[in-house]
Amino acid sequence: MKKFGIPNILSCLRIVLIPLFLWRYFTAQNDQDSIVAAGLLMVSGLTDAADGYIARTYNMITPIGKILDPAADKLTQLSVCVALTIKMPKLFFILALYVIKEVVMLVAGYKLFKKLRLEEIPGSKWFGKIYTICFYIVMIVIIGYYRMTENTALIMLLALGGLMIFTFVMYIPEYIKIKKNSAALETSDAEEKAN
């Protein structure tokens, strides 16, 4: 159970919620339908907060959880961005930035996963958590308000975009530091083997 406990189950639930959210969002015909779609996204956000809290509080942090949790986040955020772009074409450029940011972070995370031992994979940082919370709030409001105009949504996304850029910049030195530490460990291991 330790290898695949409640936090990891909640992460899997977030992945399962993605197609349900997309179905409800694209078939929405009125305010009530939009609220249901926003509600599904809200549940996803709450499970994100819950799995992190449970994992930290009850010492249920696992290597697979450190991969599964951010993967569920990225897949959810990418799905929401693509869905909004399809329904609101005017938002293409700002949403494209979100997609690029998420893809870059996924690739960087995958490279770290291949390079580092599983127990060395770091969890998300405080700025990443703040961005995720704000992302869910903004997207829930945009999706839940059926009659929201593209211009209003664009203003909200531009504000979120500022936070996204800040978060991305903050992760760069973290990534560099992890790579340097990994290189130092590899050098140390090589020296030990040589001796």
C-alpha atoms as a PDB file:
ATOM      1  CA  MET A   1       0.000   0.000   0.000  1.00  0.00           C
ATOM      2  CA  LYS A   2       2.944   2.283   0.651  1.00  0.00           C
ATOM      3  CA  LYS A   3       4.045   2.101  -2.972  1.00  0.00           C
ATOM      4  CA  PHE A   4       0.592   3.012  -4.243  1.00  0.00           C
ATOM      5  CA  GLY A   5      -1.287   4.692  -1.415  1.00  0.00           C
ATOM      6  CA  ILE A   6      -4.117   7.214  -1.226  1.00  0.00           C
ATOM      7  CA  PRO A   7      -2.125  10.158  -2.660  1.00  0.00           C
ATOM      8  CA  ASN A   8      -1.284   8.177  -5.796  1.00  0.00           C
ATOM      9  CA  ILE A   9      -4.872   6.992  -6.135  1.00  0.00           C
ATOM     10  CA  LEU A  10      -5.983  10.636  -6.011  1.00  0.00           C
ATOM     11  CA  SER A  11      -3.453  11.502  -8.714  1.00  0.00           C
ATOM     12  CA  CYS A  12      -4.893   8.731 -10.891  1.00  0.00           C
ATOM     13  CA  LEU A  13      -8.380  10.087 -10.199  1.00  0.00           C
ATOM     14  CA  ARG A  14      -7.298  13.461 -11.573  1.00  0.00           C
ATOM     15  CA  ILE A  15      -6.218  11.768 -14.792  1.00  0.00           C
ATOM     16  CA  VAL A  16      -9.560   9.938 -15.026  1.00  0.00           C
ATOM     17  CA  LEU A  17     -11.396  13.258 -14.529  1.00  0.00           C
ATOM     18  CA  ILE A  18      -9.772  14.774 -17.638  1.00  0.00           C
ATOM     19  CA  PRO A  19     -11.984  13.061 -20.272  1.00  0.00           C
ATOM     20  CA  LEU A  20     -15.061  13.634 -18.096  1.00  0.00           C
ATOM     21  CA  PHE A  21     -14.253  17.334 -17.870  1.00  0.00           C
ATOM     22  CA  LEU A  22     -13.612  17.596 -21.631  1.00  0.00           C
ATOM     23  CA  TRP A  23     -16.876  15.843 -22.450  1.00  0.00           C
ATOM     24  CA  ARG A  24     -18.922  18.118 -20.188  1.00  0.00           C
ATOM     25  CA  TYR A  25     -17.116  21.260 -21.330  1.00  0.00           C
ATOM     26  CA  PHE A  26     -17.549  20.639 -25.051  1.00  0.00           C
ATOM     27  CA  THR A  27     -21.196  19.587 -24.708  1.00  0.00           C
ATOM     28  CA  ALA A  28     -22.150  22.500 -22.423  1.00  0.00           C
ATOM     29  CA  GLN A  29     -25.274  24.282 -23.644  1.00  0.00           C
ATOM     30  CA  ASN A  30     -26.048  26.567 -20.707  1.00  0.00           C
ATOM     31  CA  ASP A  31     -24.868  27.955 -17.363  1.00  0.00           C
ATOM     32  CA  GLN A  32     -25.658  24.738 -15.513  1.00  0.00           C
ATOM     33  CA  ASP A  33     -23.593  22.616 -17.903  1.00  0.00           C
ATOM     34  CA  SER A  34     -20.672  25.013 -17.576  1.00  0.00           C
ATOM     35  CA  ILE A  35     -20.896  24.908 -13.800  1.00  0.00           C
ATOM     36  CA  VAL A  36     -20.743  21.104 -13.906  1.00  0.00           C
ATOM     37  CA  ALA A  37     -17.610  21.281 -16.085  1.00  0.00           C
ATOM     38  CA  ALA A  38     -16.082  23.825 -13.701  1.00  0.00           C
ATOM     39  CA  GLY A  39     -17.085  21.587 -10.796  1.00  0.00           C
ATOM     40  CA  LEU A  40     -15.182  18.656 -12.281  1.00  0.00           C
ATOM     41  CA  LEU A  41     -12.134  20.878 -12.632  1.00  0.00           C
ATOM     42  CA  MET A  42     -12.588  22.038  -9.037  1.00  0.00           C
ATOM     43  CA  VAL A  43     -12.688  18.424  -7.831  1.00  0.00           C
ATOM     44  CA  SER A  44      -9.473  17.842  -9.742  1.00  0.00           C
ATOM     45  CA  GLY A  45      -7.870  20.819  -8.024  1.00  0.00           C
ATOM     46  CA  LEU A  46      -9.064  19.711  -4.588  1.00  0.00           C
ATOM     47  CA  THR A  47      -7.692  16.198  -5.075  1.00  0.00           C
ATOM     48  CA  ASP A  48      -4.398  17.795  -6.090  1.00  0.00           C
ATOM     49  CA  ALA A  49      -4.263  19.668  -2.789  1.00  0.00           C
ATOM     50  CA  ALA A  50      -5.480  16.626  -0.847  1.00  0.00           C
ATOM     51  CA  ASP A  51      -2.922  14.168  -2.198  1.00  0.00           C
ATOM     52  CA  GLY A  52      -0.070  16.549  -1.396  1.00  0.00           C
ATOM     53  CA  TYR A  53      -1.354  17.172   2.128  1.00  0.00           C
ATOM     54  CA  ILE A  54      -1.912  13.472   2.841  1.00  0.00           C
ATOM     55  CA  ALA A  55       1.478  12.488   1.409  1.00  0.00           C
ATOM     56  CA  ARG A  56       3.337  15.042   3.549  1.00  0.00           C
ATOM     57  CA  THR A  57       1.292  14.649   6.740  1.00  0.00           C
ATOM     58  CA  TYR A  58       1.321  10.854   6.825  1.00  0.00           C
ATOM     59  CA  ASN A  59       4.757  10.358   5.289  1.00  0.00           C
ATOM     60  CA  MET A  60       3.321   8.736   2.168  1.00  0.00           C
ATOM     61  CA  ILE A  61       5.642  10.469  -0.286  1.00  0.00           C
ATOM     62  CA  THR A  62       6.822   7.885  -2.809  1.00  0.00           C
ATOM     63  CA  PRO A  63       9.067   7.997  -5.885  1.00  0.00           C
ATOM     64  CA  ILE A  64       6.139   7.120  -8.145  1.00  0.00           C
ATOM     65  CA  GLY A  65       4.064   9.826  -6.468  1.00  0.00           C
ATOM     66  CA  LYS A  66       6.692  12.433  -7.295  1.00  0.00           C
ATOM     67  CA  ILE A  67       6.212  11.508 -10.946  1.00  0.00           C
ATOM     68  CA  LEU A  68       2.479  10.766 -10.980  1.00  0.00           C
ATOM     69  CA  ASP A  69       1.385  13.937  -9.162  1.00  0.00           C
ATOM     70  CA  PRO A  70       3.067  16.462 -11.495  1.00  0.00           C
ATOM     71  CA  ALA A  71       2.144  14.341 -14.515  1.00  0.00           C
ATOM     72  CA  ALA A  72      -1.542  14.530 -13.519  1.00  0.00           C
ATOM     73  CA  ASP A  73      -1.178  18.294 -13.038  1.00  0.00           C
ATOM     74  CA  LYS A  74       0.444  18.833 -16.433  1.00  0.00           C
ATOM     75  CA  LEU A  75      -2.041  16.631 -18.272  1.00  0.00           C
ATOM     76  CA  THR A  76      -4.954  18.441 -16.635  1.00  0.00           C
ATOM     77  CA  GLN A  77      -3.555  21.889 -17.366  1.00  0.00           C
ATOM     78  CA  LEU A  78      -2.698  21.005 -20.958  1.00  0.00           C
ATOM     79  CA  SER A  79      -6.181  19.594 -21.506  1.00  0.00           C
ATOM     80  CA  VAL A  80      -7.835  22.722 -20.127  1.00  0.00           C
ATOM     81  CA  CYS A  81      -5.640  24.986 -22.274  1.00  0.00           C
ATOM     82  CA  VAL A  82      -6.321  23.034 -25.457  1.00  0.00           C
ATOM     83  CA  ALA A  83     -10.065  22.941 -24.697  1.00  0.00           C
ATOM     84  CA  LEU A  84     -10.207  26.707 -24.153  1.00  0.00           C
ATOM     85  CA  THR A  85      -8.250  27.323 -27.351  1.00  0.00           C
ATOM     86  CA  ILE A  86     -10.738  25.265 -29.347  1.00  0.00           C
ATOM     87  CA  LYS A  87     -13.723  27.140 -27.913  1.00  0.00           C
ATOM     88  CA  MET A  88     -12.084  30.583 -27.799  1.00  0.00           C
ATOM     89  CA  PRO A  89      -9.664  30.894 -30.761  1.00  0.00           C
ATOM     90  CA  LYS A  90      -8.727  34.457 -29.776  1.00  0.00           C
ATOM     91  CA  LEU A  91      -6.922  33.005 -26.749  1.00  0.00           C
ATOM     92  CA  PHE A  92      -4.617  30.905 -28.926  1.00  0.00           C
ATOM     93  CA  PHE A  93      -1.393  32.840 -28.368  1.00  0.00           C
ATOM     94  CA  ILE A  94      -1.607  33.164 -24.590  1.00  0.00           C
ATOM     95  CA  LEU A  95      -2.712  29.547 -24.213  1.00  0.00           C
ATOM     96  CA  ALA A  96       0.094  28.443 -26.543  1.00  0.00           C
ATOM     97  CA  LEU A  97       2.532  29.927 -24.012  1.00  0.00           C
ATOM     98  CA  TYR A  98       1.017  27.756 -21.288  1.00  0.00           C
ATOM     99  CA  VAL A  99       1.303  24.673 -23.468  1.00  0.00           C
ATOM    100  CA  ILE A 100       4.949  25.448 -24.322  1.00  0.00           C
ATOM    101  CA  LYS A 101       5.760  26.001 -20.649  1.00  0.00           C
ATOM    102  CA  GLU A 102       4.155  22.721 -19.610  1.00  0.00           C
ATOM    103  CA  VAL A 103       5.830  20.750 -22.405  1.00  0.00           C
ATOM    104  CA  VAL A 104       9.260  22.210 -21.547  1.00  0.00           C
ATOM    105  CA  MET A 105       8.778  21.344 -17.877  1.00  0.00           C
ATOM    106  CA  LEU A 106       7.588  17.836 -18.751  1.00  0.00           C
ATOM    107  CA  VAL A 107      10.637  17.234 -20.935  1.00  0.00           C
ATOM    108  CA  ALA A 108      12.980  18.658 -18.285  1.00  0.00           C
ATOM    109  CA  GLY A 109      11.329  16.504 -15.626  1.00  0.00           C
ATOM    110  CA  TYR A 110      11.612  13.414 -17.801  1.00  0.00           C
ATOM    111  CA  LYS A 111      15.314  14.065 -18.364  1.00  0.00           C
ATOM    112  CA  LEU A 112      15.838  14.379 -14.614  1.00  0.00           C
ATOM    113  CA  PHE A 113      13.875  11.171 -14.079  1.00  0.00           C
ATOM    114  CA  LYS A 114      16.161   9.298 -16.472  1.00  0.00           C
ATOM    115  CA  LYS A 115      19.317  10.846 -15.063  1.00  0.00           C
ATOM    116  CA  LEU A 116      18.645  10.725 -11.309  1.00  0.00           C
ATOM    117  CA  ARG A 117      17.854   7.895  -8.956  1.00  0.00           C
ATOM    118  CA  LEU A 118      14.156   7.869  -8.089  1.00  0.00           C
ATOM    119  CA  GLU A 119      14.682   8.854  -4.464  1.00  0.00           C
ATOM    120  CA  GLU A 120      16.460  12.020  -5.589  1.00  0.00           C
ATOM    121  CA  ILE A 121      13.576  13.406  -7.648  1.00  0.00           C
ATOM    122  CA  PRO A 122      12.457  16.636  -5.927  1.00  0.00           C
ATOM    123  CA  GLY A 123       8.901  17.627  -5.212  1.00  0.00           C
ATOM    124  CA  SER A 124       7.235  20.822  -6.410  1.00  0.00           C
ATOM    125  CA  LYS A 125       8.340  24.164  -4.997  1.00  0.00           C
ATOM    126  CA  TRP A 126       6.196  26.803  -3.281  1.00  0.00           C
ATOM    127  CA  PHE A 127       6.018  28.994  -6.398  1.00  0.00           C
ATOM    128  CA  GLY A 128       4.861  26.024  -8.443  1.00  0.00           C
ATOM    129  CA  LYS A 129       2.106  25.327  -5.925  1.00  0.00           C
ATOM    130  CA  ILE A 130       0.950  28.961  -5.959  1.00  0.00           C
ATOM    131  CA  TYR A 131       0.820  28.939  -9.746  1.00  0.00           C
ATOM    132  CA  THR A 132      -1.191  25.702  -9.753  1.00  0.00           C
ATOM    133  CA  ILE A 133      -3.726  27.139  -7.282  1.00  0.00           C
ATOM    134  CA  CYS A 134      -4.104  30.332  -9.330  1.00  0.00           C
ATOM    135  CA  PHE A 135      -4.378  28.325 -12.537  1.00  0.00           C
ATOM    136  CA  TYR A 136      -7.295  26.317 -11.168  1.00  0.00           C
ATOM    137  CA  ILE A 137      -9.053  29.427  -9.811  1.00  0.00           C
ATOM    138  CA  VAL A 138      -8.788  31.332 -13.105  1.00  0.00           C
ATOM    139  CA  MET A 139      -9.782  28.364 -15.258  1.00  0.00           C
ATOM    140  CA  ILE A 140     -12.709  27.415 -13.021  1.00  0.00           C
ATOM    141  CA  VAL A 141     -14.061  30.979 -13.280  1.00  0.00           C
ATOM    142  CA  ILE A 142     -13.617  31.102 -17.073  1.00  0.00           C
ATOM    143  CA  ILE A 143     -15.146  27.675 -17.629  1.00  0.00           C
ATOM    144  CA  GLY A 144     -17.942  28.077 -15.089  1.00  0.00           C
ATOM    145  CA  TYR A 145     -19.179  31.377 -16.543  1.00  0.00           C
ATOM    146  CA  TYR A 146     -20.902  30.249 -19.745  1.00  0.00           C
ATOM    147  CA  ARG A 147     -21.390  33.768 -21.136  1.00  0.00           C
ATOM    148  CA  MET A 148     -17.866  35.040 -20.477  1.00  0.00           C
ATOM    149  CA  THR A 149     -16.456  36.929 -23.463  1.00  0.00           C
ATOM    150  CA  GLU A 150     -13.080  36.104 -24.979  1.00  0.00           C
ATOM    151  CA  ASN A 151     -11.798  39.576 -24.073  1.00  0.00           C
ATOM    152  CA  THR A 152     -12.615  39.090 -20.388  1.00  0.00           C
ATOM    153  CA  ALA A 153     -11.024  35.659 -20.418  1.00  0.00           C
ATOM    154  CA  LEU A 154      -7.962  37.111 -22.139  1.00  0.00           C
ATOM    155  CA  ILE A 155      -7.463  39.704 -19.381  1.00  0.00           C
ATOM    156  CA  MET A 156      -7.636  36.988 -16.728  1.00  0.00           C
ATOM    157  CA  LEU A 157      -5.208  34.785 -18.641  1.00  0.00           C
ATOM    158  CA  LEU A 158      -2.745  37.639 -19.127  1.00  0.00           C
ATOM    159  CA  ALA A 159      -2.658  38.136 -15.356  1.00  0.00           C
ATOM    160  CA  LEU A 160      -2.108  34.417 -14.898  1.00  0.00           C
ATOM    161  CA  GLY A 161       0.543  34.585 -17.610  1.00  0.00           C
ATOM    162  CA  GLY A 162       2.630  36.962 -15.513  1.00  0.00           C
ATOM    163  CA  LEU A 163       2.625  34.449 -12.681  1.00  0.00           C
ATOM    164  CA  MET A 164       3.411  31.647 -15.119  1.00  0.00           C
ATOM    165  CA  ILE A 165       6.520  33.470 -16.382  1.00  0.00           C
ATOM    166  CA  PHE A 166       7.653  34.111 -12.803  1.00  0.00           C
ATOM    167  CA  THR A 167       7.201  30.424 -11.947  1.00  0.00           C
ATOM    168  CA  PHE A 168       9.044  29.262 -15.047  1.00  0.00           C
ATOM    169  CA  VAL A 169      11.991  31.578 -14.335  1.00  0.00           C
ATOM    170  CA  MET A 170      12.118  30.396 -10.707  1.00  0.00           C
ATOM    171  CA  TYR A 171      12.359  26.770 -11.815  1.00  0.00           C
ATOM    172  CA  ILE A 172      15.380  27.370 -14.067  1.00  0.00           C
ATOM    173  CA  PRO A 173      17.959  27.723 -11.244  1.00  0.00           C
ATOM    174  CA  GLU A 174      16.335  24.776  -9.449  1.00  0.00           C
ATOM    175  CA  TYR A 175      16.806  22.618 -12.542  1.00  0.00           C
ATOM    176  CA  ILE A 176      20.414  23.780 -12.949  1.00  0.00           C
ATOM    177  CA  LYS A 177      21.139  23.087  -9.262  1.00  0.00           C
ATOM    178  CA  ILE A 178      19.745  19.553  -9.504  1.00  0.00           C
ATOM    179  CA  LYS A 179      21.823  18.850 -12.616  1.00  0.00           C
ATOM    180  CA  LYS A 180      24.970  20.142 -10.896  1.00  0.00           C
ATOM    181  CA  ASN A 181      24.308  18.035  -7.799  1.00  0.00           C
ATOM    182  CA  SER A 182      23.723  15.013  -9.997  1.00  0.00           C
ATOM    183  CA  ALA A 183      26.990  15.638 -11.870  1.00  0.00           C
ATOM    184  CA  ALA A 184      28.850  15.984  -8.561  1.00  0.00           C
ATOM    185  CA  LEU A 185      27.385  12.689  -7.323  1.00  0.00           C
ATOM    186  CA  GLU A 186      28.359  10.928 -10.529  1.00  0.00           C
ATOM    187  CA  THR A 187      31.922  12.279 -10.245  1.00  0.00           C
ATOM    188  CA  SER A 188      32.099  11.168  -6.609  1.00  0.00           C
ATOM    189  CA  ASP A 189      30.802   7.693  -7.465  1.00  0.00           C
ATOM    190  CA  ALA A 190      33.303   7.395 -10.307  1.00  0.00           C
ATOM    191  CA  GLU A 191      36.167   8.385  -8.002  1.00  0.00           C
ATOM    192  CA  GLU A 192      35.065   5.845  -5.387  1.00  0.00           C
ATOM    193  CA  LYS A 193      34.966   3.087  -7.988  1.00  0.00           C
ATOM    194  CA  ALA A 194      38.392   4.097  -9.283  1.00  0.00           C
ATOM    195  CA  ASN A 195      39.813   3.851  -5.773  1.00  0.00           C
END
